[in-house]
């Protein structure tokens, strides 16, 4: 389980939601797990449970076509690959 700092409780929140133990379960983006799951290298103990995490894109408040192109690319990729809130 990777914890970035003492305020990072994301992994622990998922473990508590899925079980009453503090075992070695962890949290990873679906896209990083899919090939390993399909190959049978990992098992998802509760495949119908997930933890949504809001993502934010911040950049300098400078009018720039480069920033706009990057922003558009990030938003389009996120729309294709991430779960969308209902």
N, C-alpha and C. Protein backbone atom coordinates (compact mmCIF):
# COMPACT_ATOMS: atom_id res chain seq x y z
N UNK A 1 0.87 -1.17 0.00
CA UNK A 1 0.00 0.00 0.00
C UNK A 1 0.91 1.23 0.00
N UNK A 2 0.67 2.15 -0.90
CA UNK A 2 1.47 3.37 -0.97
C UNK A 2 0.70 4.49 -0.28
N UNK A 3 1.37 5.17 0.64
CA UNK A 3 0.79 6.32 1.32
C UNK A 3 1.75 7.48 1.07
N UNK A 4 1.25 8.55 0.51
CA UNK A 4 2.12 9.66 0.14
C UNK A 4 2.54 10.52 1.32
N UNK A 5 1.65 10.72 2.25
CA UNK A 5 1.98 11.44 3.48
C UNK A 5 0.93 11.09 4.53
N UNK A 6 1.07 11.62 5.73
CA UNK A 6 0.14 11.22 6.80
C UNK A 6 -1.29 11.68 6.58
N UNK A 7 -1.51 12.62 5.69
CA UNK A 7 -2.88 13.05 5.37
C UNK A 7 -3.54 12.15 4.32
N UNK A 8 -2.76 11.30 3.68
CA UNK A 8 -3.26 10.44 2.61
C UNK A 8 -3.92 9.21 3.21
N UNK A 9 -5.24 9.24 3.32
CA UNK A 9 -5.96 8.10 3.89
C UNK A 9 -6.79 7.36 2.83
N UNK A 10 -6.52 7.61 1.56
CA UNK A 10 -7.31 7.03 0.48
C UNK A 10 -7.32 5.50 0.53
N UNK A 11 -6.14 4.88 0.64
CA UNK A 11 -6.07 3.43 0.68
C UNK A 11 -6.80 2.88 1.91
N UNK A 12 -6.55 3.46 3.05
CA UNK A 12 -7.18 2.98 4.29
C UNK A 12 -8.70 3.12 4.23
N UNK A 13 -9.20 4.17 3.60
CA UNK A 13 -10.66 4.34 3.47
C UNK A 13 -11.27 3.20 2.67
N UNK A 14 -10.61 2.79 1.58
CA UNK A 14 -11.14 1.69 0.77
C UNK A 14 -11.10 0.38 1.55
N UNK A 15 -10.00 0.11 2.23
CA UNK A 15 -9.90 -1.13 3.00
C UNK A 15 -10.99 -1.19 4.05
N UNK A 16 -11.22 -0.09 4.76
CA UNK A 16 -12.28 -0.05 5.78
C UNK A 16 -13.66 -0.24 5.14
N UNK A 17 -13.86 0.31 3.96
CA UNK A 17 -15.16 0.17 3.28
C UNK A 17 -15.42 -1.27 2.88
N UNK A 18 -14.38 -1.99 2.45
CA UNK A 18 -14.53 -3.34 1.93
C UNK A 18 -14.39 -4.43 2.99
N UNK A 19 -13.74 -4.14 4.08
CA UNK A 19 -13.55 -5.16 5.11
C UNK A 19 -13.37 -4.49 6.45
N UNK A 20 -13.37 -5.30 7.48
CA UNK A 20 -13.15 -4.76 8.82
C UNK A 20 -11.71 -4.97 9.26
N UNK A 21 -10.87 -5.37 8.33
CA UNK A 21 -9.47 -5.61 8.66
C UNK A 21 -8.60 -4.51 8.09
N UNK A 22 -7.37 -4.51 8.49
CA UNK A 22 -6.40 -3.56 7.95
C UNK A 22 -5.30 -4.35 7.23
N UNK A 23 -5.73 -5.27 6.38
CA UNK A 23 -4.77 -6.14 5.71
C UNK A 23 -4.13 -5.44 4.52
N UNK A 24 -3.48 -6.21 3.65
CA UNK A 24 -2.68 -5.64 2.57
C UNK A 24 -3.42 -5.28 1.33
N UNK A 25 -4.70 -5.15 1.37
CA UNK A 25 -5.41 -4.73 0.17
C UNK A 25 -5.00 -3.31 -0.19
N UNK A 26 -5.13 -3.00 -1.45
CA UNK A 26 -4.72 -1.68 -1.88
C UNK A 26 -5.64 -1.15 -2.97
N UNK A 27 -5.33 0.02 -3.41
CA UNK A 27 -6.14 0.74 -4.37
C UNK A 27 -5.26 1.11 -5.55
N UNK A 28 -5.75 0.89 -6.75
CA UNK A 28 -5.00 1.27 -7.95
C UNK A 28 -6.00 1.65 -9.03
N UNK A 29 -5.60 2.51 -9.95
CA UNK A 29 -6.49 2.89 -11.05
C UNK A 29 -6.88 1.67 -11.87
N UNK A 30 -8.13 1.61 -12.28
CA UNK A 30 -8.64 0.47 -13.06
C UNK A 30 -7.79 0.19 -14.29
N UNK A 31 -7.39 1.23 -14.98
CA UNK A 31 -6.62 1.05 -16.20
C UNK A 31 -5.29 0.34 -15.98
N UNK A 32 -4.71 0.50 -14.80
CA UNK A 32 -3.44 -0.17 -14.51
C UNK A 32 -3.63 -1.63 -14.13
N UNK A 33 -4.83 -2.00 -13.71
CA UNK A 33 -5.09 -3.36 -13.24
C UNK A 33 -5.68 -4.27 -14.30
N UNK A 34 -6.29 -3.73 -15.31
CA UNK A 34 -7.12 -4.52 -16.20
C UNK A 34 -6.38 -5.68 -16.87
N UNK A 35 -5.20 -5.45 -17.42
CA UNK A 35 -4.46 -6.54 -18.07
C UNK A 35 -4.10 -7.64 -17.08
N UNK A 36 -3.64 -7.26 -15.90
CA UNK A 36 -3.28 -8.26 -14.89
C UNK A 36 -4.51 -9.03 -14.43
N UNK A 37 -5.63 -8.36 -14.32
CA UNK A 37 -6.87 -9.04 -13.92
C UNK A 37 -7.30 -10.03 -14.98
N UNK A 38 -7.28 -9.62 -16.25
CA UNK A 38 -7.67 -10.51 -17.34
C UNK A 38 -6.74 -11.71 -17.46
N UNK A 39 -5.46 -11.52 -17.14
CA UNK A 39 -4.49 -12.61 -17.22
C UNK A 39 -4.53 -13.50 -15.98
N UNK A 40 -5.32 -13.14 -14.98
CA UNK A 40 -5.43 -13.93 -13.76
C UNK A 40 -4.28 -13.74 -12.79
N UNK A 41 -3.48 -12.68 -12.98
CA UNK A 41 -2.35 -12.43 -12.08
C UNK A 41 -2.77 -11.75 -10.79
N UNK A 42 -3.93 -11.10 -10.81
CA UNK A 42 -4.46 -10.50 -9.58
C UNK A 42 -5.94 -10.86 -9.47
N UNK A 43 -6.43 -10.80 -8.27
CA UNK A 43 -7.84 -11.07 -8.01
C UNK A 43 -8.42 -9.84 -7.33
N UNK A 44 -9.54 -9.40 -7.84
CA UNK A 44 -10.24 -8.29 -7.20
C UNK A 44 -11.21 -8.88 -6.20
N UNK A 45 -10.97 -8.70 -4.90
CA UNK A 45 -11.83 -9.33 -3.90
C UNK A 45 -13.27 -8.85 -3.96
N UNK A 46 -13.47 -7.62 -4.35
CA UNK A 46 -14.81 -7.06 -4.44
C UNK A 46 -14.89 -6.23 -5.72
N UNK A 47 -15.05 -6.89 -6.87
CA UNK A 47 -14.96 -6.18 -8.14
C UNK A 47 -16.07 -5.15 -8.37
N UNK A 48 -17.14 -5.23 -7.63
CA UNK A 48 -18.23 -4.26 -7.81
C UNK A 48 -18.14 -3.08 -6.85
N UNK A 49 -17.03 -2.97 -6.16
CA UNK A 49 -16.83 -1.83 -5.26
C UNK A 49 -15.66 -1.00 -5.74
N UNK A 50 -15.80 0.28 -5.64
CA UNK A 50 -14.72 1.19 -5.99
C UNK A 50 -14.87 2.44 -5.17
N UNK A 51 -13.86 3.26 -5.20
CA UNK A 51 -13.86 4.51 -4.47
C UNK A 51 -13.61 5.63 -5.47
N UNK A 52 -14.61 6.47 -5.67
CA UNK A 52 -14.45 7.60 -6.59
C UNK A 52 -13.59 8.67 -5.94
N UNK A 53 -12.69 9.22 -6.71
CA UNK A 53 -11.79 10.27 -6.24
C UNK A 53 -11.89 11.43 -7.21
N UNK A 54 -12.32 12.59 -6.75
CA UNK A 54 -12.38 13.74 -7.66
C UNK A 54 -10.97 14.12 -8.15
N UNK A 55 -10.85 14.38 -9.42
CA UNK A 55 -9.58 14.80 -9.99
C UNK A 55 -9.71 16.24 -10.46
N UNK A 56 -8.62 16.97 -10.34
CA UNK A 56 -8.63 18.39 -10.72
C UNK A 56 -7.43 18.67 -11.62
N UNK A 57 -7.61 19.53 -12.57
CA UNK A 57 -6.54 19.95 -13.46
C UNK A 57 -6.30 21.43 -13.18
N UNK A 58 -5.11 21.75 -12.71
CA UNK A 58 -4.75 23.13 -12.40
C UNK A 58 -3.63 23.56 -13.33
N UNK A 59 -3.70 24.78 -13.79
CA UNK A 59 -2.60 25.34 -14.57
C UNK A 59 -2.58 26.84 -14.37
N UNK A 60 -1.50 27.44 -14.78
CA UNK A 60 -1.36 28.88 -14.61
C UNK A 60 -2.48 29.61 -15.34
N UNK A 61 -2.92 30.70 -14.75
CA UNK A 61 -4.01 31.49 -15.33
C UNK A 61 -3.45 32.42 -16.40
N UNK A 62 -2.85 31.81 -17.38
CA UNK A 62 -2.26 32.54 -18.50
C UNK A 62 -3.02 32.16 -19.75
N UNK A 63 -3.44 33.13 -20.52
CA UNK A 63 -4.11 32.82 -21.79
C UNK A 63 -3.06 32.27 -22.75
N UNK A 64 -3.18 30.99 -23.04
CA UNK A 64 -2.18 30.34 -23.87
C UNK A 64 -2.85 29.23 -24.68
N UNK A 65 -2.60 29.22 -25.97
CA UNK A 65 -3.18 28.15 -26.78
C UNK A 65 -2.56 26.80 -26.40
N UNK A 66 -1.32 26.79 -25.96
CA UNK A 66 -0.68 25.55 -25.53
C UNK A 66 -1.40 24.97 -24.32
N UNK A 67 -1.66 25.79 -23.30
CA UNK A 67 -2.40 25.32 -22.13
C UNK A 67 -3.79 24.83 -22.53
N UNK A 68 -4.42 25.53 -23.45
CA UNK A 68 -5.75 25.12 -23.87
C UNK A 68 -5.72 23.77 -24.58
N UNK A 69 -4.73 23.53 -25.43
CA UNK A 69 -4.60 22.24 -26.11
C UNK A 69 -4.35 21.11 -25.10
N UNK A 70 -3.49 21.36 -24.13
CA UNK A 70 -3.21 20.36 -23.10
C UNK A 70 -4.47 20.08 -22.29
N UNK A 71 -5.17 21.13 -21.89
CA UNK A 71 -6.41 20.97 -21.13
C UNK A 71 -7.43 20.17 -21.92
N UNK A 72 -7.60 20.49 -23.19
CA UNK A 72 -8.55 19.75 -24.03
C UNK A 72 -8.18 18.28 -24.13
N UNK A 73 -6.88 17.99 -24.29
CA UNK A 73 -6.42 16.60 -24.40
C UNK A 73 -6.66 15.85 -23.10
N UNK A 74 -6.39 16.46 -21.97
CA UNK A 74 -6.60 15.81 -20.67
C UNK A 74 -8.08 15.53 -20.45
N UNK A 75 -8.92 16.50 -20.74
CA UNK A 75 -10.36 16.31 -20.55
C UNK A 75 -10.91 15.22 -21.47
N UNK A 76 -10.48 15.20 -22.72
CA UNK A 76 -10.96 14.18 -23.66
C UNK A 76 -10.51 12.79 -23.24
N UNK A 77 -9.27 12.66 -22.80
CA UNK A 77 -8.76 11.36 -22.35
C UNK A 77 -9.47 10.91 -21.10
N UNK A 78 -9.68 11.81 -20.16
CA UNK A 78 -10.40 11.47 -18.93
C UNK A 78 -11.82 11.02 -19.24
N UNK A 79 -12.47 11.68 -20.17
CA UNK A 79 -13.85 11.31 -20.52
C UNK A 79 -13.91 9.91 -21.12
N UNK A 80 -12.86 9.50 -21.84
CA UNK A 80 -12.83 8.16 -22.44
C UNK A 80 -12.47 7.07 -21.44
N UNK A 81 -11.64 7.38 -20.45
CA UNK A 81 -11.06 6.33 -19.62
C UNK A 81 -11.50 6.29 -18.17
N UNK A 82 -12.12 7.33 -17.67
CA UNK A 82 -12.50 7.36 -16.26
C UNK A 82 -14.01 7.22 -16.12
N UNK A 83 -14.41 6.68 -14.99
CA UNK A 83 -15.85 6.61 -14.69
C UNK A 83 -16.39 8.03 -14.59
N UNK A 84 -17.59 8.22 -15.09
CA UNK A 84 -18.21 9.53 -15.03
C UNK A 84 -19.29 9.52 -13.97
N UNK A 85 -19.35 10.55 -13.17
CA UNK A 85 -20.41 10.65 -12.16
C UNK A 85 -21.75 10.81 -12.85
N UNK A 86 -22.75 10.21 -12.25
CA UNK A 86 -24.10 10.28 -12.81
C UNK A 86 -24.76 11.60 -12.51
